[in-house]
Amino acid sequence: MRRALASSLLLISTAVQAEDPTADLQQTHAEKSVLEARLSGLPEREQRLNAELTGEVRTLFRLRRGGMLPLFSGLDAMLGHASRMAHYEKLTRKTLRELEQVRGERERLSKESLALDAKLAAVEEAAAGYVQVQQQLVQEAVARQEAVAAPVVPQQTYGLSLAGGMPLPGERFTDQVGGLALPVAGAASISDSERPGDDGRGLKFEAQPGASVRAAAAGKVAFAERQSLYGLMVIVEHDHRYRTVYGGLSSIDVQVGDAISKSARIGSAGEAVYFEVRRDARSQDAR
């Protein structure tokens, strides 16, 4: 058994290795670190260039304000004055170009950082999904190997007749679409209903308080207690991962683990009974 389990785990690892996003996640984190390091040095550089530009502009302003004064000090003074003005004009233009380049680089890197954030979120989501799939595959492999070695035990039928380990045609939940039993017999009215904070698309049965609430199909009770959104609630599990939900009850007549048949009484109605059909956590069209 251990040898077979090791073989199964090796096959799982080989099958999902090509889809492993770990390397992409590490690379994206590295790119983000480099980008943040480059961005972190730009404010100080921009501040220094701003200070240099301010000093150069002030000096150039003072030189220009001197106007023709060096003429009275001779030709050499005038030429020196003109040379200093040309130098500071050239220096000011150079500093201004560098400042514009720094600002442009900051804007470009900021856009790249936002794009990397989006990519990182997507890769992290993919990595989380990958880990979940790996864990599920390992669990399934272990379960298969344990099932091979486990003794045969009677299968829970949930009140269904079985053929080859499966419900007979007509009794499977998927075969009963359009033929489920009404949860509340003699309901005055049926309307669509949603619960705040829940994406469920259910039905509301306006019923006589105390009326019997019955299972829409055969199954096993998975939940039977009070819940914040639904009040007293019963959840019945069916085959193929389907569940039916019965909320707004005034009393509950079943317990978790009970195997019940179609139309079996599960409790009493309150002022209105909420009914919903789900597959796993996804709400289905109850109608």
Protein backbone atom coordinates (compact mmCIF):
# COMPACT_ATOMS: atom_id res chain seq x y z
CA MET A 1 0.00 0.00 0.00
CA ARG A 2 2.80 2.40 0.89
CA ARG A 3 4.50 1.70 -2.42
CA ALA A 4 1.28 2.39 -4.31
CA LEU A 5 0.72 5.60 -2.34
CA ALA A 6 4.25 6.81 -3.09
CA SER A 7 3.67 6.07 -6.77
CA SER A 8 0.42 8.05 -6.76
CA LEU A 9 2.06 11.04 -5.07
CA LEU A 10 4.89 10.95 -7.63
CA LEU A 11 2.37 10.99 -10.49
CA ILE A 12 0.51 13.92 -8.91
CA SER A 13 3.74 15.89 -8.48
CA THR A 14 4.73 15.27 -12.10
CA ALA A 15 1.29 16.21 -13.43
CA VAL A 16 1.10 19.60 -11.71
CA GLN A 17 4.77 20.59 -11.89
CA ALA A 18 4.37 22.30 -15.27
CA GLU A 19 1.62 24.51 -13.84
CA ASP A 20 3.54 25.46 -10.67
CA PRO A 21 3.39 29.30 -10.39
CA THR A 22 5.97 29.41 -7.56
CA ALA A 23 8.84 30.45 -9.81
CA ASP A 24 6.75 33.22 -11.38
CA LEU A 25 5.74 34.39 -7.89
CA GLN A 26 9.37 34.57 -6.73
CA GLN A 27 10.40 36.44 -9.89
CA THR A 28 7.56 38.93 -9.51
CA HIS A 29 8.50 39.56 -5.87
CA ALA A 30 12.12 40.13 -6.95
CA GLU A 31 11.05 42.59 -9.67
CA LYS A 32 8.88 44.41 -7.13
CA SER A 33 11.81 44.69 -4.68
CA VAL A 34 14.13 46.13 -7.35
CA LEU A 35 11.46 48.60 -8.46
CA GLU A 36 10.79 49.76 -4.91
CA ALA A 37 14.52 50.25 -4.32
CA ARG A 38 14.79 52.44 -7.43
CA LEU A 39 11.71 54.43 -6.45
CA SER A 40 12.92 54.97 -2.89
CA GLY A 41 16.06 56.80 -4.09
CA LEU A 42 14.25 59.21 -6.40
CA PRO A 43 12.71 61.64 -3.84
CA GLU A 44 16.12 62.47 -2.33
CA ARG A 45 17.62 62.93 -5.79
CA GLU A 46 14.73 65.14 -6.87
CA GLN A 47 15.05 67.24 -3.69
CA ARG A 48 18.79 67.73 -4.26
CA LEU A 49 18.27 68.81 -7.89
CA ASN A 50 15.51 71.22 -6.83
CA ALA A 51 17.91 72.84 -4.33
CA GLU A 52 20.67 73.07 -6.94
CA LEU A 53 18.31 74.56 -9.51
CA THR A 54 17.05 77.15 -7.02
CA GLY A 55 20.63 78.27 -6.22
CA GLU A 56 21.64 78.42 -9.89
CA VAL A 57 18.58 80.45 -10.87
CA ARG A 58 19.20 82.94 -8.06
CA THR A 59 22.84 83.34 -9.11
CA LEU A 60 21.85 83.81 -12.75
CA PHE A 61 19.24 86.38 -11.72
CA ARG A 62 21.83 88.39 -9.76
CA LEU A 63 24.25 88.29 -12.71
CA ARG A 64 21.62 89.51 -15.13
CA ARG A 65 20.47 92.21 -12.74
CA GLY A 66 24.07 93.54 -12.75
CA GLY A 67 23.43 94.48 -16.37
CA MET A 68 26.17 96.71 -17.87
CA LEU A 69 27.96 97.50 -14.60
CA PRO A 70 31.13 95.52 -15.59
CA LEU A 71 31.58 97.94 -18.55
CA PHE A 72 32.89 100.56 -16.15
CA SER A 73 35.48 98.13 -14.76
CA GLY A 74 37.12 97.43 -18.07
CA LEU A 75 37.00 94.83 -20.82
CA ASP A 76 38.32 91.98 -18.68
CA ALA A 77 35.60 92.46 -16.08
CA MET A 78 32.92 92.59 -18.78
CA LEU A 79 34.19 89.38 -20.42
CA GLY A 80 34.39 87.61 -17.05
CA HIS A 81 30.84 88.67 -16.27
CA ALA A 82 29.58 87.34 -19.62
CA SER A 83 31.46 84.07 -19.09
CA ARG A 84 29.90 83.56 -15.66
CA MET A 85 26.43 84.22 -17.08
CA ALA A 86 26.99 81.69 -19.88
CA HIS A 87 28.26 79.14 -17.36
CA TYR A 88 25.26 79.47 -15.07
CA GLU A 89 22.83 79.45 -18.00
CA LYS A 90 24.37 76.18 -19.20
CA LEU A 91 24.41 74.77 -15.66
CA THR A 92 20.77 75.75 -15.07
CA ARG A 93 19.64 74.04 -18.30
CA LYS A 94 21.58 70.89 -17.39
CA THR A 95 20.08 70.74 -13.88
CA LEU A 96 16.60 71.36 -15.28
CA ARG A 97 17.00 68.49 -17.78
CA GLU A 98 18.16 66.15 -15.01
CA LEU A 99 15.21 67.18 -12.85
CA GLU A 100 12.75 66.50 -15.68
CA GLN A 101 14.37 63.09 -16.26
CA VAL A 102 14.03 62.21 -12.57
CA ARG A 103 10.36 63.26 -12.54
CA GLY A 104 9.72 61.27 -15.73
CA GLU A 105 11.45 58.22 -14.27
CA ARG A 106 9.40 58.51 -11.07
CA GLU A 107 6.17 58.63 -13.06
CA ARG A 108 7.21 55.68 -15.23
CA LEU A 109 8.31 53.56 -12.28
CA SER A 110 5.09 54.38 -10.41
CA LYS A 111 3.07 53.03 -13.36
CA GLU A 112 5.27 49.93 -13.50
CA SER A 113 4.75 49.46 -9.75
CA LEU A 114 0.97 49.53 -10.15
CA ALA A 115 1.17 47.00 -12.99
CA LEU A 116 3.41 44.76 -10.87
CA ASP A 117 0.94 45.00 -7.97
CA ALA A 118 -1.82 43.71 -10.25
CA LYS A 119 0.41 40.95 -11.60
CA LEU A 120 1.52 40.00 -8.09
CA ALA A 121 -2.09 39.71 -6.91
CA ALA A 122 -2.92 37.45 -9.86
CA VAL A 123 0.15 35.26 -9.35
CA GLU A 124 -0.49 34.98 -5.59
CA GLU A 125 -4.07 33.90 -6.33
CA ALA A 126 -2.79 31.33 -8.84
CA ALA A 127 -0.24 30.07 -6.32
CA ALA A 128 -2.90 29.70 -3.63
CA GLY A 129 -5.10 27.77 -6.07
CA TYR A 130 -2.15 25.58 -7.05
CA VAL A 131 -1.44 24.70 -3.42
CA GLN A 132 -5.12 23.93 -2.85
CA VAL A 133 -5.21 21.65 -5.92
CA GLN A 134 -2.05 19.86 -4.76
CA GLN A 135 -3.52 19.28 -1.32
CA GLN A 136 -6.78 18.03 -2.80
CA LEU A 137 -4.98 15.64 -5.16
CA VAL A 138 -2.87 14.28 -2.33
CA GLN A 139 -5.96 13.81 -0.16
CA GLU A 140 -7.74 12.03 -3.01
CA ALA A 141 -4.74 9.77 -3.60
CA VAL A 142 -4.54 8.90 0.09
CA ALA A 143 -8.29 8.27 0.19
CA ARG A 144 -8.10 5.97 -2.86
CA GLN A 145 -5.28 3.96 -1.33
CA GLU A 146 -7.07 3.72 2.00
CA ALA A 147 -10.26 2.64 0.23
CA VAL A 148 -8.37 -0.19 -1.47
CA ALA A 149 -7.20 -1.54 1.90
CA ALA A 150 -10.35 -0.72 3.86
CA PRO A 151 -12.92 -3.45 4.60
CA VAL A 152 -16.23 -3.27 2.75
CA VAL A 153 -18.91 -1.58 4.86
CA PRO A 154 -22.59 -1.03 4.12
CA GLN A 155 -23.11 2.15 2.14
CA GLN A 156 -25.35 4.94 3.46
CA THR A 157 -28.26 5.05 1.02
CA TYR A 158 -29.95 8.26 2.28
CA GLY A 159 -33.25 6.46 1.78
CA LEU A 160 -32.50 5.63 -1.90
CA SER A 161 -32.44 2.26 -3.68
CA LEU A 162 -28.94 1.56 -4.99
CA ALA A 163 -27.73 -0.19 -8.12
CA GLY A 164 -23.98 -0.73 -8.39
CA GLY A 165 -23.37 1.72 -5.55
CA MET A 166 -25.38 4.55 -7.20
CA PRO A 167 -29.02 5.67 -6.76
CA LEU A 168 -31.40 4.15 -9.28
CA PRO A 169 -32.49 6.40 -12.21
CA GLY A 170 -35.31 8.64 -11.10
CA GLU A 171 -34.10 8.77 -7.50
CA ARG A 172 -30.86 10.69 -8.07
CA PHE A 173 -31.17 14.38 -7.20
CA THR A 174 -30.26 15.43 -10.75
CA ASP A 175 -33.02 13.21 -12.11
CA GLN A 176 -35.63 15.01 -10.01
CA VAL A 177 -35.31 18.48 -11.51
CA GLY A 178 -38.86 19.78 -11.75
CA GLY A 179 -40.09 16.92 -9.57
CA LEU A 180 -38.88 17.82 -6.10
CA ALA A 181 -41.43 17.70 -3.32
CA LEU A 182 -42.79 21.05 -2.17
CA PRO A 183 -41.06 21.98 1.11
CA VAL A 184 -44.32 23.40 2.49
CA ALA A 185 -47.57 21.80 1.47
CA GLY A 186 -50.50 24.12 0.88
CA ALA A 187 -48.40 27.28 0.86
CA ALA A 188 -50.45 30.42 0.31
CA SER A 189 -47.86 31.98 -2.02
CA ILE A 190 -44.34 31.46 -3.37
CA SER A 191 -41.96 34.32 -4.26
CA ASP A 192 -38.26 34.87 -4.99
CA SER A 193 -36.18 35.72 -1.96
CA GLU A 194 -32.63 36.79 -1.12
CA ARG A 195 -30.85 37.15 2.22
CA PRO A 196 -28.69 40.23 3.11
CA GLY A 197 -25.02 39.24 3.05
CA ASP A 198 -25.76 36.04 1.07
CA ASP A 199 -25.75 35.47 -2.69
CA GLY A 200 -28.42 32.78 -2.45
CA ARG A 201 -31.29 32.76 -4.95
CA GLY A 202 -34.04 31.07 -3.00
CA LEU A 203 -37.81 30.92 -2.69
CA LYS A 204 -40.00 32.19 0.14
CA PHE A 205 -43.05 30.11 1.05
CA GLU A 206 -45.78 32.05 2.86
CA ALA A 207 -47.15 29.34 5.12
CA GLN A 208 -49.54 28.82 8.01
CA PRO A 209 -47.35 28.92 11.15
CA GLY A 210 -46.83 25.38 12.39
CA ALA A 211 -47.37 23.77 8.97
CA SER A 212 -45.16 20.77 8.22
CA VAL A 213 -41.88 21.44 6.41
CA ARG A 214 -40.78 18.42 4.40
CA ALA A 215 -37.61 17.33 2.57
CA ALA A 216 -37.66 18.11 -1.15
CA ALA A 217 -35.66 14.93 -1.83
CA ALA A 218 -34.06 12.05 0.04
CA GLY A 219 -30.78 12.80 1.73
CA LYS A 220 -28.86 13.16 4.98
CA VAL A 221 -29.21 15.97 7.53
CA ALA A 222 -25.95 17.98 7.61
CA PHE A 223 -27.08 20.99 9.71
CA ALA A 224 -29.94 21.50 12.15
CA GLU A 225 -29.74 24.54 14.41
CA ARG A 226 -30.16 28.33 14.53
CA GLN A 227 -28.26 30.50 12.03
CA SER A 228 -27.99 34.31 12.08
CA LEU A 229 -29.45 34.98 8.60
CA TYR A 230 -32.00 32.17 8.44
CA GLY A 231 -33.18 31.58 12.02
CA LEU A 232 -33.82 27.90 12.72
CA MET A 233 -32.39 26.13 9.69
CA VAL A 234 -31.95 22.60 8.32
CA ILE A 235 -29.54 21.64 5.53
CA VAL A 236 -29.99 18.28 3.78
CA GLU A 237 -27.15 16.79 1.73
CA HIS A 238 -27.98 14.84 -1.45
CA ASP A 239 -25.90 12.96 -4.01
CA HIS A 240 -23.56 14.73 -6.47
CA ARG A 241 -22.76 17.43 -3.83
CA TYR A 242 -26.25 18.98 -3.90
CA ARG A 243 -27.82 20.49 -0.77
CA THR A 244 -31.26 21.86 0.04
CA VAL A 245 -31.68 24.61 2.64
CA TYR A 246 -34.78 25.18 4.78
CA GLY A 247 -34.78 28.38 6.88
CA GLY A 248 -37.28 30.31 8.99
CA LEU A 249 -38.53 27.23 10.85
CA SER A 250 -40.36 27.44 14.14
CA SER A 251 -39.13 23.99 15.23
CA ILE A 252 -36.78 21.24 14.03
CA ASP A 253 -37.69 17.53 14.13
CA VAL A 254 -34.43 16.00 12.80
CA GLN A 255 -30.84 15.75 13.95
CA VAL A 256 -27.50 15.95 12.15
CA GLY A 257 -26.71 12.56 10.63
CA ASP A 258 -30.35 11.48 10.14
CA ALA A 259 -31.02 9.76 6.80
CA ILE A 260 -34.40 10.94 5.55
CA SER A 261 -36.60 10.10 2.61
CA LYS A 262 -38.35 12.40 0.16
CA SER A 263 -41.23 14.34 1.77
CA ALA A 264 -40.09 13.33 5.28
CA ARG A 265 -41.03 15.91 7.91
CA ILE A 266 -38.03 17.94 9.09
CA GLY A 267 -39.77 20.61 11.16
CA SER A 268 -42.52 23.21 11.44
CA ALA A 269 -42.95 26.44 9.50
CA GLY A 270 -42.63 29.90 10.96
CA GLU A 271 -44.32 32.87 9.31
CA ALA A 272 -42.35 32.22 6.10
CA VAL A 273 -40.04 29.38 5.04
CA TYR A 274 -36.91 30.10 3.01
CA PHE A 275 -35.91 27.33 0.56
CA GLU A 276 -32.72 27.16 -1.47
CA VAL A 277 -30.86 24.62 -3.63
CA ARG A 278 -27.06 24.64 -3.64
CA ARG A 279 -24.32 22.60 -5.25
CA ASP A 280 -21.27 22.86 -3.03
CA ALA A 281 -21.34 26.58 -2.07
CA ARG A 282 -22.93 27.75 -5.35
CA SER A 283 -26.59 28.72 -5.33
CA GLN A 284 -28.81 27.14 -8.00
CA ASP A 285 -32.09 28.29 -9.52
CA ALA A 286 -34.54 26.96 -6.95
CA ARG A 287 -37.48 27.16 -9.38
